[in-house]
Amino acid sequence: MQATDTPSKPSTPAVLHLVCGKIGAGKSTLTQRLAAAPNTVRISEDDWLARLYPGEIHALADYVRCAGRLREAMAGHVEALLAAGTSVVLDFPSNTVATRRWARSVFEKAGAAHRLHHLDVPDDVCKARLRARNLAGGHPFETTDAEFDQISSHFVAPTADEGFHVIRYHD
């Protein structure tokens, strides 16, 4: 059996939305809003990590190991979604040069556009949000002030020489 219809290219190019900001900056809140756009899906690192590695992430080294595996596993899937014309909101922190380099490889292989959403929020605001989130109990991971400080010590804000289309948010 032969098909006679030729699939058409999407009328608007797919976009990979990336988020950059410290824990508690509002990345997941922003990604939920961005994912409301037509033909757009959100992929949440926290959701996947909680399901794939329940009870296994206790320290930063655990997170780094598990998140690296998840990025490796998801790269081809995200590329395929983008190549098919579906925009992706990647709720994975693009907080280091290395994680942004990984994301660049994904959207470049797919031939997709990108936006790097940088949430520049003061530490005291992030910590207050984390404390409230911990008390609410709805998030799969709790983060202490000490863990915030440890994780934030690895944060590297994007620079112009990285070549990303950056949209900055200030709080």
C-alpha atoms as a PDB file:
ATOM      1  CA  MET A   1       0.000   0.000   0.000  1.00  0.00           C
ATOM      2  CA  GLN A   2       1.366   3.428  -0.944  1.00  0.00           C
ATOM      3  CA  ALA A   3       0.523   6.677   0.747  1.00  0.00           C
ATOM      4  CA  THR A   4      -0.313   9.575  -1.518  1.00  0.00           C
ATOM      5  CA  ASP A   5      -0.209  12.410   1.002  1.00  0.00           C
ATOM      6  CA  THR A   6       3.103  14.035   1.799  1.00  0.00           C
ATOM      7  CA  PRO A   7       3.494  15.243   5.358  1.00  0.00           C
ATOM      8  CA  SER A   8       3.836  19.007   5.491  1.00  0.00           C
ATOM      9  CA  LYS A   9       6.346  20.962   7.484  1.00  0.00           C
ATOM     10  CA  PRO A  10       5.002  22.755  10.557  1.00  0.00           C
ATOM     11  CA  SER A  11       4.039  26.372   9.839  1.00  0.00           C
ATOM     12  CA  THR A  12       6.026  27.651  12.801  1.00  0.00           C
ATOM     13  CA  PRO A  13       9.395  26.209  13.725  1.00  0.00           C
ATOM     14  CA  ALA A  14       9.721  24.274  16.942  1.00  0.00           C
ATOM     15  CA  VAL A  15      11.452  25.969  19.855  1.00  0.00           C
ATOM     16  CA  LEU A  16      13.417  24.394  22.678  1.00  0.00           C
ATOM     17  CA  HIS A  17      12.780  26.467  25.798  1.00  0.00           C
ATOM     18  CA  LEU A  18      15.525  26.162  28.406  1.00  0.00           C
ATOM     19  CA  VAL A  19      15.493  27.545  31.942  1.00  0.00           C
ATOM     20  CA  CYS A  20      18.360  28.845  34.017  1.00  0.00           C
ATOM     21  CA  GLY A  21      18.098  29.956  37.632  1.00  0.00           C
ATOM     22  CA  LYS A  22      18.866  28.862  41.147  1.00  0.00           C
ATOM     23  CA  ILE A  23      16.620  26.487  43.068  1.00  0.00           C
ATOM     24  CA  GLY A  24      13.460  28.339  44.046  1.00  0.00           C
ATOM     25  CA  ALA A  25      13.842  30.982  41.339  1.00  0.00           C
ATOM     26  CA  GLY A  26      10.562  29.944  39.698  1.00  0.00           C
ATOM     27  CA  LYS A  27      11.782  27.788  36.818  1.00  0.00           C
ATOM     28  CA  SER A  28       9.007  25.179  37.099  1.00  0.00           C
ATOM     29  CA  THR A  29       6.329  27.846  37.452  1.00  0.00           C
ATOM     30  CA  LEU A  30       7.620  29.544  34.296  1.00  0.00           C
ATOM     31  CA  THR A  31       7.859  26.256  32.372  1.00  0.00           C
ATOM     32  CA  GLN A  32       4.249  25.427  33.191  1.00  0.00           C
ATOM     33  CA  ARG A  33       3.214  28.789  31.752  1.00  0.00           C
ATOM     34  CA  LEU A  34       5.376  28.366  28.628  1.00  0.00           C
ATOM     35  CA  ALA A  35       3.982  24.872  28.028  1.00  0.00           C
ATOM     36  CA  ALA A  36       0.461  26.280  27.698  1.00  0.00           C
ATOM     37  CA  ALA A  37       1.358  27.446  24.174  1.00  0.00           C
ATOM     38  CA  PRO A  38      -0.104  25.418  21.297  1.00  0.00           C
ATOM     39  CA  ASN A  39       1.909  22.434  20.044  1.00  0.00           C
ATOM     40  CA  THR A  40       4.185  22.546  23.086  1.00  0.00           C
ATOM     41  CA  VAL A  41       5.108  19.904  25.649  1.00  0.00           C
ATOM     42  CA  ARG A  42       6.861  20.263  28.995  1.00  0.00           C
ATOM     43  CA  ILE A  43       9.363  17.710  30.254  1.00  0.00           C
ATOM     44  CA  SER A  44      10.155  17.993  33.963  1.00  0.00           C
ATOM     45  CA  GLU A  45      13.453  16.708  35.306  1.00  0.00           C
ATOM     46  CA  ASP A  46      12.080  16.582  38.875  1.00  0.00           C
ATOM     47  CA  ASP A  47       9.123  14.435  37.810  1.00  0.00           C
ATOM     48  CA  TRP A  48      11.283  11.996  35.875  1.00  0.00           C
ATOM     49  CA  LEU A  49      13.968  11.774  38.573  1.00  0.00           C
ATOM     50  CA  ALA A  50      11.353  11.143  41.277  1.00  0.00           C
ATOM     51  CA  ARG A  51       9.838   8.302  39.239  1.00  0.00           C
ATOM     52  CA  LEU A  52      13.032   6.717  37.936  1.00  0.00           C
ATOM     53  CA  TYR A  53      15.108   7.010  41.108  1.00  0.00           C
ATOM     54  CA  PRO A  54      12.677   6.981  44.060  1.00  0.00           C
ATOM     55  CA  GLY A  55      14.554   7.305  47.332  1.00  0.00           C
ATOM     56  CA  GLU A  56      17.956   7.301  45.599  1.00  0.00           C
ATOM     57  CA  ILE A  57      18.794  11.011  45.489  1.00  0.00           C
ATOM     58  CA  HIS A  58      20.161  12.083  48.881  1.00  0.00           C
ATOM     59  CA  ALA A  59      23.195  14.186  47.984  1.00  0.00           C
ATOM     60  CA  LEU A  60      24.431  16.412  45.173  1.00  0.00           C
ATOM     61  CA  ALA A  61      26.529  13.550  43.760  1.00  0.00           C
ATOM     62  CA  ASP A  62      23.382  11.393  43.505  1.00  0.00           C
ATOM     63  CA  TYR A  63      21.565  14.157  41.642  1.00  0.00           C
ATOM     64  CA  VAL A  64      24.469  14.712  39.241  1.00  0.00           C
ATOM     65  CA  ARG A  65      24.652  10.976  38.437  1.00  0.00           C
ATOM     66  CA  CYS A  66      20.901  10.521  37.952  1.00  0.00           C
ATOM     67  CA  ALA A  67      20.343  13.782  36.069  1.00  0.00           C
ATOM     68  CA  GLY A  68      23.207  12.919  33.714  1.00  0.00           C
ATOM     69  CA  ARG A  69      21.595   9.573  32.923  1.00  0.00           C
ATOM     70  CA  LEU A  70      18.258  11.263  32.341  1.00  0.00           C
ATOM     71  CA  ARG A  71      19.735  13.868  29.968  1.00  0.00           C
ATOM     72  CA  GLU A  72      21.472  11.091  28.042  1.00  0.00           C
ATOM     73  CA  ALA A  73      18.236   9.111  27.755  1.00  0.00           C
ATOM     74  CA  MET A  74      16.052  12.091  26.825  1.00  0.00           C
ATOM     75  CA  ALA A  75      18.270  13.757  24.217  1.00  0.00           C
ATOM     76  CA  GLY A  76      17.063  11.705  21.256  1.00  0.00           C
ATOM     77  CA  HIS A  77      13.428  11.952  22.341  1.00  0.00           C
ATOM     78  CA  VAL A  78      13.588  15.741  22.654  1.00  0.00           C
ATOM     79  CA  GLU A  79      15.363  15.984  19.288  1.00  0.00           C
ATOM     80  CA  ALA A  80      12.608  13.898  17.676  1.00  0.00           C
ATOM     81  CA  LEU A  81       9.848  16.063  19.153  1.00  0.00           C
ATOM     82  CA  LEU A  82      11.562  19.223  17.921  1.00  0.00           C
ATOM     83  CA  ALA A  83      12.251  17.748  14.472  1.00  0.00           C
ATOM     84  CA  ALA A  84       8.558  16.824  14.226  1.00  0.00           C
ATOM     85  CA  GLY A  85       7.613  20.458  14.862  1.00  0.00           C
ATOM     86  CA  THR A  86       6.625  20.187  18.525  1.00  0.00           C
ATOM     87  CA  SER A  87       8.089  22.830  20.807  1.00  0.00           C
ATOM     88  CA  VAL A  88       9.583  21.536  24.044  1.00  0.00           C
ATOM     89  CA  VAL A  89       9.818  23.295  27.382  1.00  0.00           C
ATOM     90  CA  LEU A  90      12.669  21.567  29.122  1.00  0.00           C
ATOM     91  CA  ASP A  91      12.232  21.968  32.876  1.00  0.00           C
ATOM     92  CA  PHE A  92      15.830  20.895  33.461  1.00  0.00           C
ATOM     93  CA  PRO A  93      18.157  23.489  34.993  1.00  0.00           C
ATOM     94  CA  SER A  94      20.526  24.865  32.358  1.00  0.00           C
ATOM     95  CA  ASN A  95      22.660  26.246  35.162  1.00  0.00           C
ATOM     96  CA  THR A  96      26.171  25.402  34.008  1.00  0.00           C
ATOM     97  CA  VAL A  97      28.126  25.800  30.807  1.00  0.00           C
ATOM     98  CA  ALA A  98      28.139  21.993  30.433  1.00  0.00           C
ATOM     99  CA  THR A  99      24.358  21.584  30.759  1.00  0.00           C
ATOM    100  CA  ARG A 100      23.805  24.421  28.293  1.00  0.00           C
ATOM    101  CA  ARG A 101      26.284  22.801  25.891  1.00  0.00           C
ATOM    102  CA  TRP A 102      24.220  19.586  26.117  1.00  0.00           C
ATOM    103  CA  ALA A 103      20.996  21.503  25.395  1.00  0.00           C
ATOM    104  CA  ARG A 104      22.629  23.258  22.438  1.00  0.00           C
ATOM    105  CA  SER A 105      23.534  19.893  20.924  1.00  0.00           C
ATOM    106  CA  VAL A 106      19.872  18.840  21.210  1.00  0.00           C
ATOM    107  CA  PHE A 107      18.312  21.836  19.444  1.00  0.00           C
ATOM    108  CA  GLU A 108      21.077  22.065  16.855  1.00  0.00           C
ATOM    109  CA  LYS A 109      20.728  18.373  15.883  1.00  0.00           C
ATOM    110  CA  ALA A 110      16.980  18.922  15.521  1.00  0.00           C
ATOM    111  CA  GLY A 111      17.413  22.134  13.522  1.00  0.00           C
ATOM    112  CA  ALA A 112      15.178  23.931  16.022  1.00  0.00           C
ATOM    113  CA  ALA A 113      15.163  27.411  17.470  1.00  0.00           C
ATOM    114  CA  HIS A 114      15.788  27.995  21.167  1.00  0.00           C
ATOM    115  CA  ARG A 115      15.147  30.411  24.020  1.00  0.00           C
ATOM    116  CA  LEU A 116      17.131  30.407  27.262  1.00  0.00           C
ATOM    117  CA  HIS A 117      14.972  31.849  30.041  1.00  0.00           C
ATOM    118  CA  HIS A 118      17.268  33.181  32.794  1.00  0.00           C
ATOM    119  CA  LEU A 119      15.525  33.805  36.121  1.00  0.00           C
ATOM    120  CA  ASP A 120      17.765  36.187  38.073  1.00  0.00           C
ATOM    121  CA  VAL A 121      16.295  36.013  41.573  1.00  0.00           C
ATOM    122  CA  PRO A 122      18.105  36.982  44.806  1.00  0.00           C
ATOM    123  CA  ASP A 123      19.210  34.122  47.070  1.00  0.00           C
ATOM    124  CA  ASP A 124      17.050  35.266  49.985  1.00  0.00           C
ATOM    125  CA  VAL A 125      13.918  35.138  47.800  1.00  0.00           C
ATOM    126  CA  CYS A 126      14.851  31.661  46.500  1.00  0.00           C
ATOM    127  CA  LYS A 127      15.455  30.380  50.041  1.00  0.00           C
ATOM    128  CA  ALA A 128      12.136  31.771  51.271  1.00  0.00           C
ATOM    129  CA  ARG A 129      10.343  30.062  48.381  1.00  0.00           C
ATOM    130  CA  LEU A 130      12.156  26.794  49.124  1.00  0.00           C
ATOM    131  CA  ARG A 131      11.137  26.901  52.774  1.00  0.00           C
ATOM    132  CA  ALA A 132       7.508  27.472  51.759  1.00  0.00           C
ATOM    133  CA  ARG A 133       7.712  24.673  49.178  1.00  0.00           C
ATOM    134  CA  ASN A 134       9.210  22.307  51.767  1.00  0.00           C
ATOM    135  CA  LEU A 135       6.397  23.116  54.205  1.00  0.00           C
ATOM    136  CA  ALA A 136       3.730  22.601  51.542  1.00  0.00           C
ATOM    137  CA  GLY A 137       5.091  19.110  50.854  1.00  0.00           C
ATOM    138  CA  GLY A 138       3.967  18.946  47.229  1.00  0.00           C
ATOM    139  CA  HIS A 139       7.420  18.833  45.649  1.00  0.00           C
ATOM    140  CA  PRO A 140       9.231  15.485  45.235  1.00  0.00           C
ATOM    141  CA  PHE A 141      12.470  16.878  46.734  1.00  0.00           C
ATOM    142  CA  GLU A 142      13.132  19.025  49.790  1.00  0.00           C
ATOM    143  CA  THR A 143      16.094  21.378  49.840  1.00  0.00           C
ATOM    144  CA  THR A 144      17.679  22.896  52.952  1.00  0.00           C
ATOM    145  CA  ASP A 145      19.408  26.281  53.058  1.00  0.00           C
ATOM    146  CA  ALA A 146      22.762  24.487  53.269  1.00  0.00           C
ATOM    147  CA  GLU A 147      21.939  22.380  50.209  1.00  0.00           C
ATOM    148  CA  PHE A 148      20.814  25.532  48.384  1.00  0.00           C
ATOM    149  CA  ASP A 149      24.209  27.113  49.121  1.00  0.00           C
ATOM    150  CA  GLN A 150      26.091  23.999  48.020  1.00  0.00           C
ATOM    151  CA  ILE A 151      24.131  23.624  44.771  1.00  0.00           C
ATOM    152  CA  SER A 152      24.191  27.357  44.028  1.00  0.00           C
ATOM    153  CA  SER A 153      27.989  27.384  44.270  1.00  0.00           C
ATOM    154  CA  HIS A 154      27.954  25.538  40.919  1.00  0.00           C
ATOM    155  CA  PHE A 155      25.576  28.003  39.228  1.00  0.00           C
ATOM    156  CA  VAL A 156      27.035  29.881  36.257  1.00  0.00           C
ATOM    157  CA  ALA A 157      24.900  32.586  34.668  1.00  0.00           C
ATOM    158  CA  PRO A 158      24.843  32.528  30.864  1.00  0.00           C
ATOM    159  CA  THR A 159      27.204  34.889  29.075  1.00  0.00           C
ATOM    160  CA  ALA A 160      26.937  36.486  25.647  1.00  0.00           C
ATOM    161  CA  ASP A 161      29.876  34.462  24.300  1.00  0.00           C
ATOM    162  CA  GLU A 162      27.842  31.247  24.722  1.00  0.00           C
ATOM    163  CA  GLY A 163      25.621  32.469  21.879  1.00  0.00           C
ATOM    164  CA  PHE A 164      22.184  31.784  23.365  1.00  0.00           C
ATOM    165  CA  HIS A 165      19.031  33.798  22.782  1.00  0.00           C
ATOM    166  CA  VAL A 166      18.536  34.804  26.446  1.00  0.00           C
ATOM    167  CA  ILE A 167      15.340  36.182  27.944  1.00  0.00           C
ATOM    168  CA  ARG A 168      16.040  37.583  31.424  1.00  0.00           C
ATOM    169  CA  TYR A 169      13.565  37.751  34.291  1.00  0.00           C
ATOM    170  CA  HIS A 170      14.267  39.785  37.413  1.00  0.00           C
ATOM    171  CA  ASP A 171      12.450  39.419  40.696  1.00  0.00           C
END
